[in-house]
N, C-alpha and C. Protein backbone atom coordinates (compact mmCIF):
# COMPACT_ATOMS: atom_id res chain seq x y z
N UNK A 1 123.03 -64.33 101.62
CA UNK A 1 122.46 -64.88 100.42
C UNK A 1 123.03 -64.15 99.22
N UNK A 2 123.41 -64.89 98.20
CA UNK A 2 124.00 -64.31 97.00
C UNK A 2 122.92 -63.69 96.12
N UNK A 3 123.27 -62.57 95.54
CA UNK A 3 122.34 -61.87 94.65
C UNK A 3 122.32 -62.55 93.28
N UNK A 4 121.14 -62.58 92.66
CA UNK A 4 121.03 -63.14 91.31
C UNK A 4 121.86 -62.33 90.34
N UNK A 5 122.46 -63.03 89.38
CA UNK A 5 123.30 -62.38 88.39
C UNK A 5 122.75 -62.66 87.00
N UNK A 6 122.95 -61.72 86.11
CA UNK A 6 122.47 -61.81 84.73
C UNK A 6 123.67 -61.77 83.80
N UNK A 7 123.59 -62.54 82.72
CA UNK A 7 124.64 -62.52 81.69
C UNK A 7 124.06 -61.99 80.38
N UNK A 8 124.81 -61.10 79.75
CA UNK A 8 124.44 -60.58 78.44
C UNK A 8 125.56 -60.93 77.47
N UNK A 9 125.23 -61.40 76.27
CA UNK A 9 126.26 -61.77 75.30
C UNK A 9 126.97 -60.55 74.74
N UNK A 10 128.25 -60.72 74.44
CA UNK A 10 129.06 -59.68 73.82
C UNK A 10 129.51 -60.15 72.44
N UNK A 11 129.61 -59.20 71.51
CA UNK A 11 129.91 -59.54 70.12
C UNK A 11 131.41 -59.62 69.84
N UNK A 12 132.19 -58.70 70.43
CA UNK A 12 133.62 -58.68 70.13
C UNK A 12 134.41 -57.98 71.23
N UNK A 13 135.71 -57.98 71.09
CA UNK A 13 136.60 -57.40 72.08
C UNK A 13 136.41 -55.90 72.23
N UNK A 14 136.17 -55.20 71.14
CA UNK A 14 135.99 -53.74 71.20
C UNK A 14 134.76 -53.40 72.03
N UNK A 15 133.65 -54.09 71.74
CA UNK A 15 132.42 -53.87 72.50
C UNK A 15 132.66 -54.16 73.99
N UNK A 16 133.33 -55.25 74.29
CA UNK A 16 133.62 -55.63 75.67
C UNK A 16 134.48 -54.59 76.36
N UNK A 17 135.47 -54.08 75.67
CA UNK A 17 136.39 -53.10 76.24
C UNK A 17 135.68 -51.78 76.55
N UNK A 18 134.88 -51.29 75.60
CA UNK A 18 134.15 -50.04 75.80
C UNK A 18 133.16 -50.19 76.96
N UNK A 19 132.40 -51.29 76.95
CA UNK A 19 131.42 -51.52 78.01
C UNK A 19 132.11 -51.64 79.37
N UNK A 20 133.21 -52.37 79.42
CA UNK A 20 133.94 -52.53 80.67
C UNK A 20 134.42 -51.21 81.23
N UNK A 21 134.93 -50.33 80.36
CA UNK A 21 135.39 -49.01 80.80
C UNK A 21 134.24 -48.18 81.36
N UNK A 22 133.11 -48.20 80.66
CA UNK A 22 131.95 -47.42 81.12
C UNK A 22 131.45 -47.93 82.46
N UNK A 23 131.32 -49.25 82.59
CA UNK A 23 130.81 -49.82 83.84
C UNK A 23 131.77 -49.56 85.00
N UNK A 24 133.07 -49.63 84.74
CA UNK A 24 134.05 -49.35 85.79
C UNK A 24 133.97 -47.90 86.25
N UNK A 25 133.85 -46.97 85.29
CA UNK A 25 133.75 -45.55 85.64
C UNK A 25 132.49 -45.26 86.46
N UNK A 26 131.42 -45.98 86.16
CA UNK A 26 130.15 -45.77 86.87
C UNK A 26 130.05 -46.57 88.16
N UNK A 27 131.04 -47.39 88.45
CA UNK A 27 131.04 -48.17 89.68
C UNK A 27 130.08 -49.35 89.67
N UNK A 28 129.76 -49.85 88.50
CA UNK A 28 128.84 -50.99 88.38
C UNK A 28 129.65 -52.28 88.52
N UNK A 29 129.33 -53.12 89.48
CA UNK A 29 130.05 -54.39 89.61
C UNK A 29 129.74 -55.28 88.40
N UNK A 30 130.78 -55.78 87.77
CA UNK A 30 130.59 -56.60 86.58
C UNK A 30 131.78 -57.54 86.39
N UNK A 31 131.57 -58.50 85.52
CA UNK A 31 132.62 -59.46 85.16
C UNK A 31 132.48 -59.73 83.67
N UNK A 32 133.57 -59.54 82.92
CA UNK A 32 133.56 -59.80 81.48
C UNK A 32 134.42 -61.02 81.22
N UNK A 33 133.85 -61.96 80.48
CA UNK A 33 134.57 -63.19 80.16
C UNK A 33 134.50 -63.47 78.67
N UNK A 34 135.63 -63.82 78.10
CA UNK A 34 135.70 -64.22 76.69
C UNK A 34 135.66 -65.75 76.61
N UNK A 35 135.06 -66.25 75.55
CA UNK A 35 135.06 -67.69 75.31
C UNK A 35 136.32 -68.14 74.57
N UNK A 36 137.27 -67.23 74.39
CA UNK A 36 138.50 -67.57 73.69
C UNK A 36 139.26 -68.64 74.45
N UNK A 37 139.70 -69.64 73.72
CA UNK A 37 140.49 -70.70 74.34
C UNK A 37 141.56 -71.15 73.36
N UNK A 38 142.70 -71.45 73.89
CA UNK A 38 143.80 -71.91 73.03
C UNK A 38 143.69 -73.41 72.76
N UNK A 39 143.14 -74.13 73.70
CA UNK A 39 143.10 -75.58 73.57
C UNK A 39 142.20 -76.05 72.43
N UNK A 40 141.08 -75.35 72.23
CA UNK A 40 140.13 -75.78 71.21
C UNK A 40 140.13 -74.90 69.97
N UNK A 41 141.08 -74.02 69.84
CA UNK A 41 141.24 -73.21 68.64
C UNK A 41 140.06 -72.29 68.34
N UNK A 42 139.44 -71.72 69.35
CA UNK A 42 138.34 -70.78 69.14
C UNK A 42 136.99 -71.43 68.91
N UNK A 43 136.86 -72.72 69.18
CA UNK A 43 135.61 -73.43 68.94
C UNK A 43 134.45 -72.83 69.73
N UNK A 44 134.69 -72.46 70.98
CA UNK A 44 133.61 -71.90 71.80
C UNK A 44 133.17 -70.54 71.29
N UNK A 45 134.11 -69.71 70.84
CA UNK A 45 133.74 -68.41 70.30
C UNK A 45 132.92 -68.58 69.02
N UNK A 46 133.26 -69.55 68.22
CA UNK A 46 132.52 -69.78 66.99
C UNK A 46 131.08 -70.19 67.30
N UNK A 47 130.88 -70.98 68.32
CA UNK A 47 129.54 -71.47 68.64
C UNK A 47 128.73 -70.51 69.50
N UNK A 48 129.35 -69.81 70.44
CA UNK A 48 128.60 -69.04 71.42
C UNK A 48 128.84 -67.53 71.35
N UNK A 49 129.66 -67.06 70.46
CA UNK A 49 129.95 -65.64 70.39
C UNK A 49 131.24 -65.30 71.13
N UNK A 50 131.56 -64.02 71.18
CA UNK A 50 132.83 -63.61 71.75
C UNK A 50 132.90 -63.91 73.24
N UNK A 51 131.84 -63.61 73.96
CA UNK A 51 131.85 -63.80 75.41
C UNK A 51 130.61 -63.20 76.04
N UNK A 52 130.72 -62.81 77.32
CA UNK A 52 129.57 -62.24 78.01
C UNK A 52 130.01 -61.28 79.09
N UNK A 53 129.06 -60.45 79.52
CA UNK A 53 129.24 -59.60 80.69
C UNK A 53 128.22 -60.08 81.72
N UNK A 54 128.68 -60.18 82.95
CA UNK A 54 127.81 -60.64 84.04
C UNK A 54 127.75 -59.54 85.09
N UNK A 55 126.52 -59.30 85.59
CA UNK A 55 126.34 -58.26 86.60
C UNK A 55 125.18 -58.64 87.50
N UNK A 56 125.08 -58.01 88.69
CA UNK A 56 123.92 -58.26 89.55
C UNK A 56 122.63 -57.88 88.82
N UNK A 57 121.59 -58.60 89.13
CA UNK A 57 120.29 -58.43 88.47
C UNK A 57 119.81 -56.97 88.51
N UNK A 58 120.06 -56.28 89.59
CA UNK A 58 119.54 -54.91 89.73
C UNK A 58 120.17 -53.92 88.74
N UNK A 59 121.33 -54.28 88.15
CA UNK A 59 122.00 -53.42 87.17
C UNK A 59 121.72 -53.84 85.73
N UNK A 60 121.02 -54.94 85.53
CA UNK A 60 120.87 -55.53 84.19
C UNK A 60 120.25 -54.59 83.17
N UNK A 61 119.17 -53.91 83.53
CA UNK A 61 118.50 -53.06 82.55
C UNK A 61 119.38 -51.88 82.14
N UNK A 62 120.11 -51.31 83.07
CA UNK A 62 121.02 -50.20 82.75
C UNK A 62 122.17 -50.65 81.88
N UNK A 63 122.75 -51.80 82.20
CA UNK A 63 123.87 -52.32 81.41
C UNK A 63 123.38 -52.66 80.00
N UNK A 64 122.19 -53.23 79.89
CA UNK A 64 121.64 -53.57 78.58
C UNK A 64 121.42 -52.30 77.75
N UNK A 65 120.96 -51.24 78.37
CA UNK A 65 120.77 -49.97 77.66
C UNK A 65 122.10 -49.41 77.16
N UNK A 66 123.12 -49.46 78.00
CA UNK A 66 124.45 -48.98 77.59
C UNK A 66 124.99 -49.83 76.43
N UNK A 67 124.80 -51.13 76.53
CA UNK A 67 125.26 -52.04 75.47
C UNK A 67 124.56 -51.74 74.15
N UNK A 68 123.27 -51.47 74.20
CA UNK A 68 122.53 -51.12 72.98
C UNK A 68 123.04 -49.81 72.38
N UNK A 69 123.36 -48.83 73.23
CA UNK A 69 123.92 -47.57 72.74
C UNK A 69 125.27 -47.78 72.07
N UNK A 70 126.11 -48.64 72.65
CA UNK A 70 127.41 -48.95 72.06
C UNK A 70 127.22 -49.59 70.69
N UNK A 71 126.28 -50.52 70.61
CA UNK A 71 126.04 -51.21 69.33
C UNK A 71 125.48 -50.26 68.28
N UNK A 72 124.58 -49.38 68.67
CA UNK A 72 124.04 -48.40 67.71
C UNK A 72 125.13 -47.45 67.23
N UNK A 73 125.98 -47.01 68.14
CA UNK A 73 127.08 -46.12 67.76
C UNK A 73 128.01 -46.81 66.79
N UNK A 74 128.27 -48.08 67.05
CA UNK A 74 129.13 -48.86 66.17
C UNK A 74 128.52 -48.99 64.78
N UNK A 75 127.21 -49.23 64.72
CA UNK A 75 126.53 -49.32 63.43
C UNK A 75 126.57 -48.00 62.70
N UNK A 76 126.39 -46.88 63.42
CA UNK A 76 126.43 -45.56 62.80
C UNK A 76 127.81 -45.28 62.22
N UNK A 77 128.85 -45.63 62.95
CA UNK A 77 130.22 -45.42 62.46
C UNK A 77 130.47 -46.27 61.23
N UNK A 78 130.04 -47.52 61.27
CA UNK A 78 130.23 -48.41 60.12
C UNK A 78 129.50 -47.88 58.90
N UNK A 79 128.28 -47.41 59.10
CA UNK A 79 127.50 -46.87 57.98
C UNK A 79 128.16 -45.63 57.40
N UNK A 80 128.66 -44.73 58.26
CA UNK A 80 129.27 -43.51 57.76
C UNK A 80 130.58 -43.80 57.04
N UNK A 81 131.29 -44.82 57.45
CA UNK A 81 132.53 -45.18 56.76
C UNK A 81 132.27 -45.82 55.41
N UNK A 82 131.14 -46.51 55.29
CA UNK A 82 130.84 -47.20 54.04
C UNK A 82 130.15 -46.29 53.02
N UNK A 83 129.66 -45.13 53.44
CA UNK A 83 129.00 -44.21 52.51
C UNK A 83 130.02 -43.63 51.54
N UNK A 84 129.61 -43.50 50.29
CA UNK A 84 130.46 -42.85 49.31
C UNK A 84 130.42 -41.35 49.54
N UNK A 85 131.56 -40.67 49.31
CA UNK A 85 131.54 -39.22 49.47
C UNK A 85 130.63 -38.60 48.41
N UNK A 86 130.00 -37.48 48.72
CA UNK A 86 129.10 -36.86 47.73
C UNK A 86 129.89 -36.36 46.52
N UNK A 87 129.25 -36.45 45.38
CA UNK A 87 129.86 -35.95 44.15
C UNK A 87 129.81 -34.43 44.15
N UNK A 88 130.88 -33.76 43.68
CA UNK A 88 130.84 -32.29 43.62
C UNK A 88 129.83 -31.84 42.57
N UNK A 89 129.20 -30.70 42.83
CA UNK A 89 128.26 -30.15 41.86
C UNK A 89 129.02 -29.57 40.69
N UNK A 90 128.32 -29.45 39.56
CA UNK A 90 128.96 -28.95 38.33
C UNK A 90 129.53 -27.53 38.50
N UNK A 91 128.77 -26.66 39.16
CA UNK A 91 129.17 -25.26 39.27
C UNK A 91 130.13 -24.98 40.41
N UNK A 92 130.31 -25.92 41.32
CA UNK A 92 131.16 -25.63 42.47
C UNK A 92 132.63 -25.83 42.11
N UNK A 93 133.48 -24.93 42.57
CA UNK A 93 134.91 -25.08 42.28
C UNK A 93 135.49 -26.26 43.07
N UNK A 94 136.43 -26.92 42.48
CA UNK A 94 137.09 -28.04 43.15
C UNK A 94 138.33 -27.49 43.83
N UNK A 95 138.36 -27.64 45.13
CA UNK A 95 139.51 -27.15 45.89
C UNK A 95 140.56 -28.26 45.98
N UNK A 96 141.84 -27.89 45.90
CA UNK A 96 142.89 -28.91 46.00
C UNK A 96 143.02 -29.46 47.39
């Protein structure tokens, strides 16, 4: 009898690549599929997102937790890149 499988949506190629590497290193059986298609010019990606990761039901909660960590890390990096550098104080010397 085949085991039930769960699909989780993926946002982009970077997220899929990082998740795939982590799951492979941990020995988690998974399948990553992109909705990218040449015939329809990306229509499926526009409607349904980048793609999905599929795994046996027993791994779903762990994979979802890893995916959330990847997304939070990505948000943190984006936020830190968009922050303006702090202004130097009046009394502090400016180093070249």
